[in-house]
PDB file of N, CA and C in Angstrom:
ATOM      1  N   MET A   1      74.053  43.488 -48.988  1.00  0.00           N
ATOM      2  CA  MET A   1      73.047  42.459 -49.041  1.00  0.00           C
ATOM      3  C   MET A   1      71.639  43.388 -49.443  1.00  0.00           C
ATOM      4  N   ARG A   2      71.549  44.683 -49.030  1.00  0.00           N
ATOM      5  CA  ARG A   2      70.305  45.452 -49.291  1.00  0.00           C
ATOM      6  C   ARG A   2      70.055  45.648 -50.679  1.00  0.00           C
ATOM      7  N   ALA A   3      71.331  45.964 -51.447  1.00  0.00           N
ATOM      8  CA  ALA A   3      71.190  46.277 -52.971  1.00  0.00           C
ATOM      9  C   ALA A   3      70.558  45.034 -53.713  1.00  0.00           C
ATOM     10  N   LEU A   4      70.962  44.041 -53.072  1.00  0.00           N
ATOM     11  CA  LEU A   4      70.827  43.028 -53.887  1.00  0.00           C
ATOM     12  C   LEU A   4      69.044  42.274 -53.539  1.00  0.00           C
ATOM     13  N   ARG A   5      68.784  42.944 -52.450  1.00  0.00           N
ATOM     14  CA  ARG A   5      67.326  42.561 -52.066  1.00  0.00           C
ATOM     15  C   ARG A   5      66.493  43.541 -52.829  1.00  0.00           C
ATOM     16  N   LEU A   6      66.994  44.811 -53.023  1.00  0.00           N
ATOM     17  CA  LEU A   6      66.165  45.964 -53.540  1.00  0.00           C
ATOM     18  C   LEU A   6      66.416  45.881 -55.442  1.00  0.00           C
ATOM     19  N   THR A   7      67.124  45.120 -55.773  1.00  0.00           N
ATOM     20  CA  THR A   7      67.532  44.727 -56.864  1.00  0.00           C
ATOM     21  C   THR A   7      66.576  43.600 -57.226  1.00  0.00           C
ATOM     22  N   PHE A   8      66.260  42.506 -56.529  1.00  0.00           N
ATOM     23  CA  PHE A   8      65.428  41.483 -56.799  1.00  0.00           C
ATOM     24  C   PHE A   8      64.245  41.792 -56.455  1.00  0.00           C
ATOM     25  N   LEU A   9      63.583  42.845 -55.827  1.00  0.00           N
ATOM     26  CA  LEU A   9      62.259  43.250 -55.733  1.00  0.00           C
ATOM     27  C   LEU A   9      61.970  44.049 -56.845  1.00  0.00           C
ATOM     28  N   GLY A  10      63.131  44.971 -57.345  1.00  0.00           N
ATOM     29  CA  GLY A  10      62.587  45.572 -58.563  1.00  0.00           C
ATOM     30  C   GLY A  10      62.219  44.478 -59.659  1.00  0.00           C
ATOM     31  N   LEU A  11      63.456  43.636 -59.884  1.00  0.00           N
ATOM     32  CA  LEU A  11      62.869  42.870 -61.046  1.00  0.00           C
ATOM     33  C   LEU A  11      61.671  42.088 -60.944  1.00  0.00           C
ATOM     34  N   LEU A  12      61.111  41.903 -59.491  1.00  0.00           N
ATOM     35  CA  LEU A  12      59.927  41.141 -59.402  1.00  0.00           C
ATOM     36  C   LEU A  12      59.118  42.015 -59.962  1.00  0.00           C
ATOM     37  N   ALA A  13      58.885  43.426 -59.398  1.00  0.00           N
ATOM     38  CA  ALA A  13      57.611  44.275 -59.553  1.00  0.00           C
ATOM     39  C   ALA A  13      57.747  44.347 -61.185  1.00  0.00           C
ATOM     40  N   ILE A  14      59.114  44.705 -62.157  1.00  0.00           N
ATOM     41  CA  ILE A  14      59.100  44.753 -63.354  1.00  0.00           C
ATOM     42  C   ILE A  14      58.012  43.376 -64.236  1.00  0.00           C
ATOM     43  N   ILE A  15      58.615  42.247 -63.589  1.00  0.00           N
ATOM     44  CA  ILE A  15      58.129  40.882 -64.033  1.00  0.00           C
ATOM     45  C   ILE A  15      56.628  40.807 -63.926  1.00  0.00           C
ATOM     46  N   LEU A  16      55.938  41.289 -62.571  1.00  0.00           N
ATOM     47  CA  LEU A  16      54.339  41.403 -62.725  1.00  0.00           C
ATOM     48  C   LEU A  16      53.851  42.061 -63.243  1.00  0.00           C
ATOM     49  N   ILE A  17      54.428  43.515 -63.436  1.00  0.00           N
ATOM     50  CA  ILE A  17      53.735  44.482 -64.306  1.00  0.00           C
ATOM     51  C   ILE A  17      53.565  44.010 -65.587  1.00  0.00           C
ATOM     52  N   ALA A  18      54.720  43.353 -66.367  1.00  0.00           N
ATOM     53  CA  ALA A  18      54.740  42.883 -67.506  1.00  0.00           C
ATOM     54  C   ALA A  18      53.608  41.772 -67.625  1.00  0.00           C
ATOM     55  N   LEU A  19      53.576  40.996 -67.005  1.00  0.00           N
ATOM     56  CA  LEU A  19      52.470  39.745 -66.425  1.00  0.00           C
ATOM     57  C   LEU A  19      51.245  40.598 -66.787  1.00  0.00           C
ATOM     58  N   ALA A  20      50.826  41.686 -65.772  1.00  0.00           N
ATOM     59  CA  ALA A  20      49.713  42.526 -65.914  1.00  0.00           C
ATOM     60  C   ALA A  20      49.313  42.979 -67.191  1.00  0.00           C
ATOM     61  N   LEU A  21      49.913  43.474 -67.612  1.00  0.00           N
ATOM     62  CA  LEU A  21      49.866  44.270 -68.972  1.00  0.00           C
ATOM     63  C   LEU A  21      49.964  43.108 -70.029  1.00  0.00           C
ATOM     64  N   ALA A  22      50.549  42.132 -70.072  1.00  0.00           N
ATOM     65  CA  ALA A  22      49.925  40.743 -71.328  1.00  0.00           C
ATOM     66  C   ALA A  22      49.026  40.351 -71.189  1.00  0.00           C
ATOM     67  N   ASN A  23      48.257  40.264 -69.710  1.00  0.00           N
ATOM     68  CA  ASN A  23      47.040  39.121 -69.890  1.00  0.00           C
ATOM     69  C   ASN A  23      46.021  40.165 -68.985  1.00  0.00           C
ATOM     70  N   ARG A  24      45.713  41.061 -70.216  1.00  0.00           N
ATOM     71  CA  ARG A  24      44.452  42.339 -69.812  1.00  0.00           C
ATOM     72  C   ARG A  24      43.057  41.720 -69.947  1.00  0.00           C
ATOM     73  N   ASP A  25      43.216  40.623 -71.018  1.00  0.00           N
ATOM     74  CA  ASP A  25      41.761  40.179 -71.351  1.00  0.00           C
ATOM     75  C   ASP A  25      40.952  39.807 -70.180  1.00  0.00           C
ATOM     76  N   ILE A  26      39.617  39.831 -70.420  1.00  0.00           N
ATOM     77  CA  ILE A  26      38.789  39.885 -69.611  1.00  0.00           C
ATOM     78  C   ILE A  26      38.149  38.272 -69.487  1.00  0.00           C
ATOM     79  N   VAL A  27      38.288  37.686 -68.727  1.00  0.00           N
ATOM     80  CA  VAL A  27      37.532  35.848 -68.400  1.00  0.00           C
ATOM     81  C   VAL A  27      36.446  35.877 -67.392  1.00  0.00           C
ATOM     82  N   THR A  28      35.885  34.891 -67.787  1.00  0.00           N
ATOM     83  CA  THR A  28      34.465  34.779 -66.736  1.00  0.00           C
ATOM     84  C   THR A  28      35.142  33.558 -65.944  1.00  0.00           C
ATOM     85  N   LEU A  29      34.867  33.994 -64.418  1.00  0.00           N
ATOM     86  CA  LEU A  29      35.157  32.631 -63.564  1.00  0.00           C
ATOM     87  C   LEU A  29      33.702  32.171 -63.037  1.00  0.00           C
ATOM     88  N   ARG A  30      33.666  30.995 -63.118  1.00  0.00           N
ATOM     89  CA  ARG A  30      32.091  30.246 -62.688  1.00  0.00           C
ATOM     90  C   ARG A  30      32.331  29.582 -61.228  1.00  0.00           C
ATOM     91  N   LEU A  31      31.465  29.568 -60.569  1.00  0.00           N
ATOM     92  CA  LEU A  31      31.264  28.817 -59.394  1.00  0.00           C
ATOM     93  C   LEU A  31      31.302  27.370 -59.623  1.00  0.00           C
ATOM     94  N   LEU A  32      30.645  26.821 -60.592  1.00  0.00           N
ATOM     95  CA  LEU A  32      30.341  25.740 -61.088  1.00  0.00           C
ATOM     96  C   LEU A  32      30.244  25.433 -62.838  1.00  0.00           C
ATOM     97  N   PRO A  33      30.778  24.139 -63.258  1.00  0.00           N
ATOM     98  CA  PRO A  33      30.507  24.134 -64.684  1.00  0.00           C
ATOM     99  C   PRO A  33      29.062  24.703 -65.001  1.00  0.00           C
ATOM    100  N   ALA A  34      28.974  25.292 -66.548  1.00  0.00           N
ATOM    101  CA  ALA A  34      27.797  25.648 -66.860  1.00  0.00           C
ATOM    102  C   ALA A  34      26.488  24.808 -66.550  1.00  0.00           C
ATOM    103  N   GLY A  35      26.485  23.524 -67.262  1.00  0.00           N
ATOM    104  CA  GLY A  35      25.669  22.632 -67.146  1.00  0.00           C
ATOM    105  C   GLY A  35      25.084  22.367 -65.722  1.00  0.00           C
ATOM    106  N   ALA A  36      26.122  22.043 -64.683  1.00  0.00           N
ATOM    107  CA  ALA A  36      25.919  21.921 -63.101  1.00  0.00           C
ATOM    108  C   ALA A  36      25.516  23.030 -62.438  1.00  0.00           C
ATOM    109  N   GLY A  37      25.789  24.159 -62.894  1.00  0.00           N
ATOM    110  CA  GLY A  37      25.376  25.278 -62.147  1.00  0.00           C
ATOM    111  C   GLY A  37      23.783  25.715 -62.456  1.00  0.00           C
ATOM    112  N   ASP A  38      23.428  25.418 -63.766  1.00  0.00           N
ATOM    113  CA  ASP A  38      22.176  25.796 -64.252  1.00  0.00           C
ATOM    114  C   ASP A  38      21.255  24.503 -63.640  1.00  0.00           C
ATOM    115  N   PHE A  39      21.848  23.371 -63.598  1.00  0.00           N
ATOM    116  CA  PHE A  39      21.083  22.293 -62.925  1.00  0.00           C
ATOM    117  C   PHE A  39      20.603  22.334 -61.168  1.00  0.00           C
ATOM    118  N   LEU A  40      21.705  22.905 -60.827  1.00  0.00           N
ATOM    119  CA  LEU A  40      21.487  23.282 -59.285  1.00  0.00           C
ATOM    120  C   LEU A  40      21.110  24.702 -58.903  1.00  0.00           C
ATOM    121  N   GLY A  41      20.947  25.607 -60.021  1.00  0.00           N
ATOM    122  CA  GLY A  41      20.760  26.638 -59.631  1.00  0.00           C
ATOM    123  C   GLY A  41      21.370  27.650 -59.122  1.00  0.00           C
ATOM    124  N   LEU A  42      22.865  27.308 -59.178  1.00  0.00           N
ATOM    125  CA  LEU A  42      23.848  28.125 -58.823  1.00  0.00           C
ATOM    126  C   LEU A  42      24.850  28.561 -59.821  1.00  0.00           C
ATOM    127  N   SER A  43      24.317  29.375 -60.819  1.00  0.00           N
ATOM    128  CA  SER A  43      25.010  29.958 -61.957  1.00  0.00           C
ATOM    129  C   SER A  43      25.961  30.948 -61.513  1.00  0.00           C
ATOM    130  N   TRP A  44      26.671  31.114 -60.264  1.00  0.00           N
ATOM    131  CA  TRP A  44      27.112  32.875 -59.948  1.00  0.00           C
ATOM    132  C   TRP A  44      28.363  32.351 -60.985  1.00  0.00           C
ATOM    133  N   SER A  45      28.851  33.733 -61.523  1.00  0.00           N
ATOM    134  CA  SER A  45      30.075  34.122 -62.302  1.00  0.00           C
ATOM    135  C   SER A  45      30.592  35.559 -62.206  1.00  0.00           C
ATOM    136  N   VAL A  46      31.679  35.944 -62.716  1.00  0.00           N
ATOM    137  CA  VAL A  46      32.250  37.073 -62.328  1.00  0.00           C
ATOM    138  C   VAL A  46      33.124  37.285 -63.489  1.00  0.00           C
ATOM    139  N   GLN A  47      33.408  38.609 -64.080  1.00  0.00           N
ATOM    140  CA  GLN A  47      34.320  38.882 -65.059  1.00  0.00           C
ATOM    141  C   GLN A  47      35.318  39.599 -64.549  1.00  0.00           C
ATOM    142  N   VAL A  48      36.524  38.781 -64.612  1.00  0.00           N
ATOM    143  CA  VAL A  48      37.834  39.716 -64.070  1.00  0.00           C
ATOM    144  C   VAL A  48      39.103  39.885 -65.112  1.00  0.00           C
ATOM    145  N   PRO A  49      39.711  40.501 -65.090  1.00  0.00           N
ATOM    146  CA  PRO A  49      41.066  40.506 -66.064  1.00  0.00           C
ATOM    147  C   PRO A  49      41.781  39.120 -65.550  1.00  0.00           C
ATOM    148  N   LEU A  50      42.355  38.541 -66.757  1.00  0.00           N
ATOM    149  CA  LEU A  50      43.239  37.410 -66.522  1.00  0.00           C
ATOM    150  C   LEU A  50      44.411  37.481 -65.652  1.00  0.00           C
ATOM    151  N   PHE A  51      44.540  38.712 -65.190  1.00  0.00           N
ATOM    152  CA  PHE A  51      46.407  38.759 -64.283  1.00  0.00           C
ATOM    153  C   PHE A  51      45.463  38.773 -63.069  1.00  0.00           C
ATOM    154  N   LEU A  52      44.543  39.067 -62.868  1.00  0.00           N
ATOM    155  CA  LEU A  52      43.973  39.047 -61.416  1.00  0.00           C
ATOM    156  C   LEU A  52      43.677  37.744 -60.682  1.00  0.00           C
ATOM    157  N   VAL A  53      43.312  36.802 -61.944  1.00  0.00           N
ATOM    158  CA  VAL A  53      43.065  35.219 -61.769  1.00  0.00           C
ATOM    159  C   VAL A  53      44.426  34.511 -61.270  1.00  0.00           C
ATOM    160  N   ILE A  54      45.211  35.169 -62.330  1.00  0.00           N
ATOM    161  CA  ILE A  54      46.950  34.541 -61.840  1.00  0.00           C
ATOM    162  C   ILE A  54      47.549  34.970 -60.658  1.00  0.00           C
ATOM    163  N   LEU A  55      47.485  36.411 -60.356  1.00  0.00           N
ATOM    164  CA  LEU A  55      47.729  36.748 -59.058  1.00  0.00           C
ATOM    165  C   LEU A  55      47.136  36.297 -57.765  1.00  0.00           C
ATOM    166  N   GLY A  56      45.669  36.300 -58.356  1.00  0.00           N
ATOM    167  CA  GLY A  56      44.743  35.831 -56.958  1.00  0.00           C
ATOM    168  C   GLY A  56      45.243  34.010 -56.825  1.00  0.00           C
ATOM    169  N   GLY A  57      45.257  33.270 -57.714  1.00  0.00           N
ATOM    170  CA  GLY A  57      45.922  31.960 -57.414  1.00  0.00           C
ATOM    171  C   GLY A  57      47.102  31.982 -56.835  1.00  0.00           C
ATOM    172  N   VAL A  58      48.069  32.665 -57.185  1.00  0.00           N
ATOM    173  CA  VAL A  58      49.271  32.800 -56.404  1.00  0.00           C
ATOM    174  C   VAL A  58      49.415  33.113 -55.021  1.00  0.00           C
ATOM    175  N   LEU A  59      48.610  34.361 -54.588  1.00  0.00           N
ATOM    176  CA  LEU A  59      48.428  34.427 -53.295  1.00  0.00           C
ATOM    177  C   LEU A  59      47.285  33.656 -52.546  1.00  0.00           C
ATOM    178  N   LEU A  60      46.526  32.999 -52.962  1.00  0.00           N
ATOM    179  CA  LEU A  60      45.808  32.025 -52.278  1.00  0.00           C
ATOM    180  C   LEU A  60      46.545  30.590 -52.225  1.00  0.00           C
ATOM    181  N   GLY A  61      47.776  30.423 -52.948  1.00  0.00           N
ATOM    182  CA  GLY A  61      48.496  29.330 -52.618  1.00  0.00           C
ATOM    183  C   GLY A  61      49.227  29.390 -51.622  1.00  0.00           C
ATOM    184  N   LEU A  62      49.978  31.007 -51.699  1.00  0.00           N
ATOM    185  CA  LEU A  62      50.961  31.220 -50.508  1.00  0.00           C
ATOM    186  C   LEU A  62      49.975  31.170 -49.249  1.00  0.00           C
ATOM    187  N   LEU A  63      49.057  31.582 -49.259  1.00  0.00           N
ATOM    188  CA  LEU A  63      48.102  31.547 -47.937  1.00  0.00           C
ATOM    189  C   LEU A  63      48.013  30.074 -47.488  1.00  0.00           C
ATOM    190  N   ILE A  64      47.267  29.192 -48.163  1.00  0.00           N
ATOM    191  CA  ILE A  64      47.364  27.952 -47.868  1.00  0.00           C
ATOM    192  C   ILE A  64      48.667  27.247 -47.569  1.00  0.00           C
ATOM    193  N   GLY A  65      49.835  27.818 -48.093  1.00  0.00           N
ATOM    194  CA  GLY A  65      51.350  27.053 -47.583  1.00  0.00           C
ATOM    195  C   GLY A  65      51.363  27.902 -46.232  1.00  0.00           C
ATOM    196  N   PHE A  66      51.382  28.832 -45.906  1.00  0.00           N
ATOM    197  CA  PHE A  66      51.667  29.521 -44.519  1.00  0.00           C
ATOM    198  C   PHE A  66      50.563  29.112 -43.363  1.00  0.00           C
ATOM    199  N   VAL A  67      49.436  28.715 -43.814  1.00  0.00           N
ATOM    200  CA  VAL A  67      48.433  28.050 -43.037  1.00  0.00           C
ATOM    201  C   VAL A  67      48.959  26.619 -42.412  1.00  0.00           C
ATOM    202  N   TRP A  68      49.085  25.869 -43.489  1.00  0.00           N
ATOM    203  CA  TRP A  68      49.769  24.471 -43.362  1.00  0.00           C
ATOM    204  C   TRP A  68      50.873  24.214 -42.487  1.00  0.00           C
ATOM    205  N   GLU A  69      51.995  25.173 -42.950  1.00  0.00           N
ATOM    206  CA  GLU A  69      53.143  25.142 -42.210  1.00  0.00           C
ATOM    207  C   GLU A  69      52.759  25.519 -40.616  1.00  0.00           C
ATOM    208  N   TRP A  70      51.902  26.739 -40.416  1.00  0.00           N
ATOM    209  CA  TRP A  70      51.511  27.303 -39.104  1.00  0.00           C
ATOM    210  C   TRP A  70      51.167  25.835 -38.383  1.00  0.00           C
ATOM    211  N   ILE A  71      50.214  25.058 -39.018  1.00  0.00           N
ATOM    212  CA  ILE A  71      49.654  24.057 -38.285  1.00  0.00           C
ATOM    213  C   ILE A  71      50.391  22.761 -37.855  1.00  0.00           C
ATOM    214  N   ARG A  72      51.516  22.620 -39.111  1.00  0.00           N
ATOM    215  CA  ARG A  72      52.235  21.576 -38.998  1.00  0.00           C
ATOM    216  C   ARG A  72      53.508  22.092 -37.885  1.00  0.00           C
ATOM    217  N   GLU A  73      53.738  23.000 -37.591  1.00  0.00           N
ATOM    218  CA  GLU A  73      54.759  23.596 -36.558  1.00  0.00           C
ATOM    219  C   GLU A  73      54.142  23.762 -35.286  1.00  0.00           C
ATOM    220  N   ALA A  74      52.763  23.530 -35.080  1.00  0.00           N
ATOM    221  CA  ALA A  74      52.134  23.811 -33.425  1.00  0.00           C
ATOM    222  C   ALA A  74      52.891  22.716 -32.682  1.00  0.00           C
ATOM    223  N   LYS A  75      53.189  21.803 -32.952  1.00  0.00           N
ATOM    224  CA  LYS A  75      53.867  20.862 -32.005  1.00  0.00           C
ATOM    225  C   LYS A  75      55.351  20.999 -31.559  1.00  0.00           C
ATOM    226  N   LEU A  76      55.831  21.775 -32.363  1.00  0.00           N
ATOM    227  CA  LEU A  76      57.342  22.304 -32.006  1.00  0.00           C
ATOM    228  C   LEU A  76      57.199  23.572 -31.236  1.00  0.00           C
ATOM    229  N   ARG A  77      56.031  24.446 -31.619  1.00  0.00           N
ATOM    230  CA  ARG A  77      55.585  25.842 -30.411  1.00  0.00           C
ATOM    231  C   ARG A  77      55.107  25.228 -29.163  1.00  0.00           C
ATOM    232  N   ARG A  78      54.500  23.806 -29.115  1.00  0.00           N
ATOM    233  CA  ARG A  78      54.175  23.390 -27.958  1.00  0.00           C
ATOM    234  C   ARG A  78      55.085  23.174 -27.090  1.00  0.00           C
ATOM    235  N   THR A  79      55.787  22.101 -27.830  1.00  0.00           N
ATOM    236  CA  THR A  79      57.273  21.716 -27.144  1.00  0.00           C
ATOM    237  C   THR A  79      57.986  22.896 -26.397  1.00  0.00           C
ATOM    238  N   ALA A  80      58.202  23.868 -27.420  1.00  0.00           N
ATOM    239  CA  ALA A  80      59.314  25.023 -26.792  1.00  0.00           C
ATOM    240  C   ALA A  80      58.462  25.757 -25.877  1.00  0.00           C
ATOM    241  N   LYS A  81      57.172  25.996 -25.889  1.00  0.00           N
ATOM    242  CA  LYS A  81      56.681  26.695 -24.664  1.00  0.00           C
ATOM    243  C   LYS A  81      56.903  25.830 -23.534  1.00  0.00           C
ATOM    244  N   GLN A  82      56.516  24.458 -23.569  1.00  0.00           N
ATOM    245  CA  GLN A  82      56.862  23.552 -22.419  1.00  0.00           C
ATOM    246  C   GLN A  82      58.039  23.618 -21.696  1.00  0.00           C
ATOM    247  N   ALA A  83      59.275  23.687 -22.675  1.00  0.00           N
ATOM    248  CA  ALA A  83      60.664  23.778 -22.271  1.00  0.00           C
ATOM    249  C   ALA A  83      60.567  25.001 -21.696  1.00  0.00           C
ATOM    250  N   THR A  84      60.403  25.983 -21.946  1.00  0.00           N
ATOM    251  CA  THR A  84      60.596  27.510 -21.629  1.00  0.00           C
ATOM    252  C   THR A  84      60.045  27.476 -20.144  1.00  0.00           C
ATOM    253  N   ARG A  85      58.758  26.709 -19.526  1.00  0.00           N
ATOM    254  CA  ARG A  85      58.326  26.664 -18.677  1.00  0.00           C
ATOM    255  C   ARG A  85      58.847  25.791 -17.514  1.00  0.00           C
ATOM    256  N   LYS A  86      59.510  24.862 -18.223  1.00  0.00           N
ATOM    257  CA  LYS A  86      60.367  24.223 -17.356  1.00  0.00           C
ATOM    258  C   LYS A  86      61.704  24.619 -16.938  1.00  0.00           C
ATOM    259  N   ALA A  87      62.221  25.214 -17.961  1.00  0.00           N
ATOM    260  CA  ALA A  87      63.295  26.299 -17.746  1.00  0.00           C
ATOM    261  C   ALA A  87      63.268  27.205 -16.718  1.00  0.00           C
ATOM    262  N   SER A  88      62.205  27.973 -16.610  1.00  0.00           N
ATOM    263  CA  SER A  88      61.811  28.688 -15.580  1.00  0.00           C
ATOM    264  C   SER A  88      61.611  28.193 -14.083  1.00  0.00           C
ATOM    265  N   LYS A  89      60.878  27.303 -14.215  1.00  0.00           N
ATOM    266  CA  LYS A  89      60.496  26.629 -12.988  1.00  0.00           C
ATOM    267  C   LYS A  89      61.855  26.169 -12.276  1.00  0.00           C
ATOM    268  N   LEU A  90      62.734  25.419 -13.269  1.00  0.00           N
ATOM    269  CA  LEU A  90      64.324  25.047 -12.662  1.00  0.00           C
ATOM    270  C   LEU A  90      64.961  26.232 -12.050  1.00  0.00           C
ATOM    271  N   GLN A  91      64.806  27.224 -12.990  1.00  0.00           N
ATOM    272  CA  GLN A  91      65.676  28.299 -12.738  1.00  0.00           C
ATOM    273  C   GLN A  91      65.412  28.945 -11.281  1.00  0.00           C
ATOM    274  N   SER A  92      63.851  29.147 -10.751  1.00  0.00           N
ATOM    275  CA  SER A  92      63.410  29.609  -9.448  1.00  0.00           C
ATOM    276  C   SER A  92      63.827  28.611  -8.300  1.00  0.00           C
ATOM    277  N   GLU A  93      63.789  27.047  -8.713  1.00  0.00           N
ATOM    278  CA  GLU A  93      64.436  26.370  -7.560  1.00  0.00           C
ATOM    279  C   GLU A  93      65.744  26.313  -7.425  1.00  0.00           C
ATOM    280  N   VAL A  94      66.633  26.717  -8.301  1.00  0.00           N
ATOM    281  CA  VAL A  94      68.104  26.836  -8.233  1.00  0.00           C
ATOM    282  C   VAL A  94      68.508  28.120  -7.185  1.00  0.00           C
ATOM    283  N   GLN A  95      67.293  29.201  -7.445  1.00  0.00           N
ATOM    284  CA  GLN A  95      67.528  30.500  -6.676  1.00  0.00           C
ATOM    285  C   GLN A  95      67.027  30.089  -5.412  1.00  0.00           C
ATOM    286  N   THR A  96      66.131  29.109  -4.967  1.00  0.00           N
ATOM    287  CA  THR A  96      65.798  29.078  -4.097  1.00  0.00           C
ATOM    288  C   THR A  96      66.961  28.048  -3.104  1.00  0.00           C
ATOM    289  N   LEU A  97      67.227  27.263  -3.735  1.00  0.00           N
ATOM    290  CA  LEU A  97      68.373  26.106  -3.350  1.00  0.00           C
ATOM    291  C   LEU A  97      69.681  27.094  -2.884  1.00  0.00           C
ATOM    292  N   ARG A  98      69.906  28.238  -3.734  1.00  0.00           N
ATOM    293  CA  ARG A  98      71.040  28.817  -3.466  1.00  0.00           C
ATOM    294  C   ARG A  98      70.691  29.854  -1.963  1.00  0.00           C
ATOM    295  N   HIS A  99      69.650  30.221  -2.250  1.00  0.00           N
ATOM    296  CA  HIS A  99      69.405  30.950  -0.923  1.00  0.00           C
ATOM    297  C   HIS A  99      69.369  30.295   0.345  1.00  0.00           C
ATOM    298  N   GLU A 100      68.984  28.864   0.221  1.00  0.00           N
ATOM    299  CA  GLU A 100      69.124  27.892   1.567  1.00  0.00           C
ATOM    300  C   GLU A 100      70.442  27.698   1.843  1.00  0.00           C
ATOM    301  N   LYS A 101      71.231  27.421   1.044  1.00  0.00           N
ATOM    302  CA  LYS A 101      72.846  27.247   0.978  1.00  0.00           C
ATOM    303  C   LYS A 101      73.533  28.074   1.621  1.00  0.00           C
ATOM    304  N   HIS A 102      73.253  29.553   1.227  1.00  0.00           N
ATOM    305  CA  HIS A 102      73.690  30.500   1.783  1.00  0.00           C
ATOM    306  C   HIS A 102      73.040  31.520   2.590  1.00  0.00           C
ATOM    307  N   GLY A 103      72.073  30.788   3.547  1.00  0.00           N
ATOM    308  CA  GLY A 103      71.207  31.355   4.455  1.00  0.00           C
ATOM    309  C   GLY A 103      72.133  31.882   5.402  1.00  0.00           C
ATOM    310  N   PRO A 104      71.338  32.271   6.646  1.00  0.00           N
ATOM    311  CA  PRO A 104      72.333  32.573   7.953  1.00  0.00           C
ATOM    312  C   PRO A 104      73.269  31.391   8.314  1.00  0.00           C
ATOM    313  N   LYS A 105      74.441  32.173   8.681  1.00  0.00           N
ATOM    314  CA  LYS A 105      75.337  31.317   9.125  1.00  0.00           C
ATOM    315  C   LYS A 105      75.732  31.351  10.635  1.00  0.00           C
ATOM    316  N   ASP A 106      74.856  32.253  11.196  1.00  0.00           N
ATOM    317  CA  ASP A 106      74.835  31.829  12.867  1.00  0.00           C
ATOM    318  C   ASP A 106      73.972  30.854  13.083  1.00  0.00           C
ATOM    319  N   ASP A 107      74.429  29.792  14.051  1.00  0.00           N
ATOM    320  CA  ASP A 107      73.303  28.839  14.529  1.00  0.00           C
ATOM    321  C   ASP A 107      72.155  29.530  15.103  1.00  0.00           C
ATOM    322  N   VAL A 108      72.051  30.385  15.859  1.00  0.00           N
ATOM    323  CA  VAL A 108      71.135  30.802  16.516  1.00  0.00           C
ATOM    324  C   VAL A 108      69.914  31.703  15.458  1.00  0.00           C
ATOM    325  N   LEU A 109      70.538  32.108  14.538  1.00  0.00           N
ATOM    326  CA  LEU A 109      69.936  32.776  13.251  1.00  0.00           C
ATOM    327  C   LEU A 109      69.004  31.585  12.347  1.00  0.00           C
ATOM    328  N   ALA A 110      69.771  30.512  12.152  1.00  0.00           N
ATOM    329  CA  ALA A 110      69.092  29.360  11.822  1.00  0.00           C
ATOM    330  C   ALA A 110      68.280  28.705  12.088  1.00  0.00           C
ATOM    331  N   LEU A 111      68.205  28.972  13.542  1.00  0.00           N
ATOM    332  CA  LEU A 111      66.881  28.039  14.270  1.00  0.00           C
ATOM    333  C   LEU A 111      65.717  28.948  14.299  1.00  0.00           C
ATOM    334  N   LEU A 112      66.130  30.537  14.343  1.00  0.00           N
ATOM    335  CA  LEU A 112      65.079  31.191  14.340  1.00  0.00           C
ATOM    336  C   LEU A 112      64.066  31.417  12.958  1.00  0.00           C
ATOM    337  N   ASP A 113      64.914  30.865  11.862  1.00  0.00           N
ATOM    338  CA  ASP A 113      64.512  31.199  10.326  1.00  0.00           C
ATOM    339  C   ASP A 113      63.852  29.598  10.221  1.00  0.00           C
ATOM    340  N   GLN A 114      63.825  28.787  10.922  1.00  0.00           N
ATOM    341  CA  GLN A 114      63.050  27.483  10.638  1.00  0.00           C
ATOM    342  C   GLN A 114      61.771  27.565  11.462  1.00  0.00           C
ATOM    343  N   PRO A 115      60.620  26.806  10.241  1.00  0.00           N
ATOM    344  CA  PRO A 115      59.302  27.318  10.589  1.00  0.00           C
ATOM    345  C   PRO A 115      59.046  26.707  12.255  1.00  0.00           C
ATOM    346  N   SER A 116      58.220  27.223  12.870  1.00  0.00           N
ATOM    347  CA  SER A 116      57.884  26.670  13.924  1.00  0.00           C
ATOM    348  C   SER A 116      56.902  25.201  14.142  1.00  0.00           C
ATOM    349  N   ARG A 117      57.018  24.342  14.849  1.00  0.00           N
ATOM    350  CA  ARG A 117      56.088  23.159  14.819  1.00  0.00           C
ATOM    351  C   ARG A 117      54.926  23.206  15.671  1.00  0.00           C
TER     352      ARG A 117
END
């Protein structure tokens, strides 16, 4: 299994390097289209290699997907936490009941263990 994983990672690395070498051209990224940016006074732009735009888009998509799943699974985590608390409470109750059931067998000791009125 480890060899399969290393082979996959090696192939992925080769593909990413080939992608980067094939897309080295410089592109201009703008915050807004040229006309709208000039009209609003927000003509921010940056020049970067195309492969950085591609890889950045992939990483941004992965990040959005991870956050989306984390938010979606919040209900499951809350339910699991509540079930854990309930199980812990029931376990302590079982221990208490076992202690009461297997308490002192002598009647005198049982009377002494009772709370005073």
